Amino acid sequence: MSMDLTLEHKNRVRIALAEAFVDSWVDYAYMAEQVRPYDLKIVEDILYMEVAPVCFWNLEAAVPPIWTGFEDESLLSEIEKALSARETSPVQRIIDRLKIAWLRYSYGYIWKEILKNL
């Protein structure tokens, strides 16, 4: 049985999942431990619909600026801004739908690694 995902829990999940986008060794076992209590479909959606759209650029950069971790408050603020833009703009929803499909394809290995460690 999975736990309810309060905003506090959701933010912890977001912060843990963002670690997959730093330019250093990724501790998938730690990430799996952080998301284990929650519904995995919801966690996967948080990864690709909330965290990846904000963080993926770090892995796409020629010289990634983030290699020790994202700053928690800044990360959460950027996620909320992106979700708000998606909610208020029909054009942004279309753009994000395409971006999320690409992110699921390009970074599908992240979810597979998390699942291996559950």
Protein backbone atom coordinates (compact mmCIF):
# COMPACT_ATOMS: atom_id res chain seq x y z
CA MET A 1 0.00 0.00 0.00
CA SER A 2 1.38 3.40 -0.95
CA MET A 3 1.35 6.52 1.19
CA ASP A 4 -0.62 9.63 0.28
CA LEU A 5 1.55 12.21 -1.38
CA THR A 6 1.19 15.47 0.55
CA LEU A 7 2.87 18.61 -0.82
CA GLU A 8 5.72 18.11 1.68
CA HIS A 9 6.21 14.52 0.52
CA LYS A 10 5.89 15.53 -3.13
CA ASN A 11 8.61 18.14 -2.66
CA ARG A 12 10.90 15.54 -1.08
CA VAL A 13 10.29 13.27 -4.07
CA ARG A 14 11.01 16.13 -6.50
CA ILE A 15 14.28 16.95 -4.74
CA ALA A 16 15.35 13.30 -4.72
CA LEU A 17 14.49 12.80 -8.41
CA ALA A 18 16.39 15.94 -9.43
CA GLU A 19 19.60 14.18 -8.39
CA ALA A 20 19.36 12.15 -11.61
CA PHE A 21 20.15 15.34 -13.53
CA VAL A 22 23.40 16.32 -11.84
CA ASP A 23 26.66 15.83 -13.69
CA SER A 24 28.15 13.31 -11.31
CA TRP A 25 27.56 9.77 -10.07
CA VAL A 26 23.85 9.16 -9.40
CA ASP A 27 22.81 7.16 -6.35
CA TYR A 28 19.77 5.36 -7.76
CA ALA A 29 19.47 3.23 -4.61
CA TYR A 30 19.00 6.39 -2.53
CA MET A 31 16.46 7.74 -5.01
CA ALA A 32 14.56 4.44 -4.95
CA GLU A 33 14.51 4.49 -1.16
CA GLN A 34 13.04 8.01 -1.19
CA VAL A 35 10.21 7.13 -3.59
CA ARG A 36 9.48 3.58 -2.34
CA PRO A 37 6.51 4.52 -0.08
CA TYR A 38 4.57 6.23 -2.87
CA ASP A 39 2.51 5.16 -5.86
CA LEU A 40 5.13 4.49 -8.54
CA LYS A 41 2.99 5.74 -11.42
CA ILE A 42 2.63 9.09 -9.66
CA VAL A 43 6.36 9.20 -8.95
CA GLU A 44 7.17 8.43 -12.59
CA ASP A 45 4.85 11.25 -13.68
CA ILE A 46 6.55 13.62 -11.23
CA LEU A 47 9.91 12.64 -12.72
CA TYR A 48 8.98 13.27 -16.35
CA MET A 49 6.24 15.91 -16.05
CA GLU A 50 7.64 18.09 -13.27
CA VAL A 51 11.32 17.47 -12.53
CA ALA A 52 12.81 16.58 -15.91
CA PRO A 53 11.39 19.62 -17.78
CA VAL A 54 13.14 21.88 -15.28
CA CYS A 55 16.39 19.92 -14.82
CA PHE A 56 17.20 18.15 -18.09
CA TRP A 57 19.10 21.12 -19.51
CA ASN A 58 21.90 20.41 -17.04
CA LEU A 59 22.71 17.10 -18.74
CA GLU A 60 22.34 18.63 -22.20
CA ALA A 61 24.89 21.40 -21.59
CA ALA A 62 28.38 21.00 -23.03
CA VAL A 63 29.76 21.82 -19.58
CA PRO A 64 26.98 21.15 -17.05
CA PRO A 65 26.93 23.86 -14.38
CA ILE A 66 25.22 21.68 -11.75
CA TRP A 67 27.36 18.78 -10.59
CA THR A 68 26.83 18.71 -6.83
CA GLY A 69 23.05 19.08 -6.72
CA PHE A 70 20.25 21.55 -7.31
CA GLU A 71 19.40 24.09 -4.62
CA ASP A 72 16.13 22.84 -3.10
CA GLU A 73 14.12 26.06 -2.87
CA SER A 74 15.17 27.24 -6.31
CA LEU A 75 14.34 23.85 -7.81
CA LEU A 76 10.88 23.76 -6.22
CA SER A 77 10.21 27.36 -7.29
CA GLU A 78 11.19 26.59 -10.91
CA ILE A 79 8.94 23.53 -10.94
CA GLU A 80 5.98 25.54 -9.65
CA LYS A 81 6.60 28.27 -12.26
CA ALA A 82 6.71 25.69 -15.04
CA LEU A 83 3.51 24.02 -13.82
CA SER A 84 1.77 27.39 -13.57
CA ALA A 85 2.81 28.32 -17.12
CA ARG A 86 1.53 24.96 -18.37
CA GLU A 87 -1.77 25.46 -16.57
CA THR A 88 -2.40 28.98 -17.88
CA SER A 89 -1.18 28.70 -21.48
CA PRO A 90 -2.68 26.38 -24.09
CA VAL A 91 0.43 26.84 -26.23
CA GLN A 92 2.71 25.93 -23.31
CA ARG A 93 0.64 22.79 -22.70
CA ILE A 94 1.23 21.67 -26.28
CA ILE A 95 4.95 22.47 -26.09
CA ASP A 96 5.24 20.65 -22.77
CA ARG A 97 3.36 17.61 -24.05
CA LEU A 98 5.96 17.25 -26.82
CA LYS A 99 8.87 17.96 -24.46
CA ILE A 100 7.62 15.39 -21.93
CA ALA A 101 7.33 12.73 -24.65
CA TRP A 102 10.93 13.48 -25.67
CA LEU A 103 12.09 13.43 -22.03
CA ARG A 104 10.45 10.04 -21.40
CA TYR A 105 12.26 8.71 -24.48
CA SER A 106 15.64 10.35 -23.91
CA TYR A 107 15.80 9.83 -20.16
CA GLY A 108 13.85 6.59 -19.86
CA TYR A 109 16.95 4.97 -18.40
CA ILE A 110 16.50 7.02 -15.22
CA TRP A 111 13.20 5.39 -14.34
CA LYS A 112 14.55 1.95 -15.25
CA GLU A 113 17.49 2.46 -12.88
CA ILE A 114 15.18 3.56 -10.07
CA LEU A 115 12.97 0.51 -10.59
CA LYS A 116 16.02 -1.79 -10.53
CA ASN A 117 16.83 -0.46 -7.07
CA LEU A 118 13.38 -0.90 -5.54
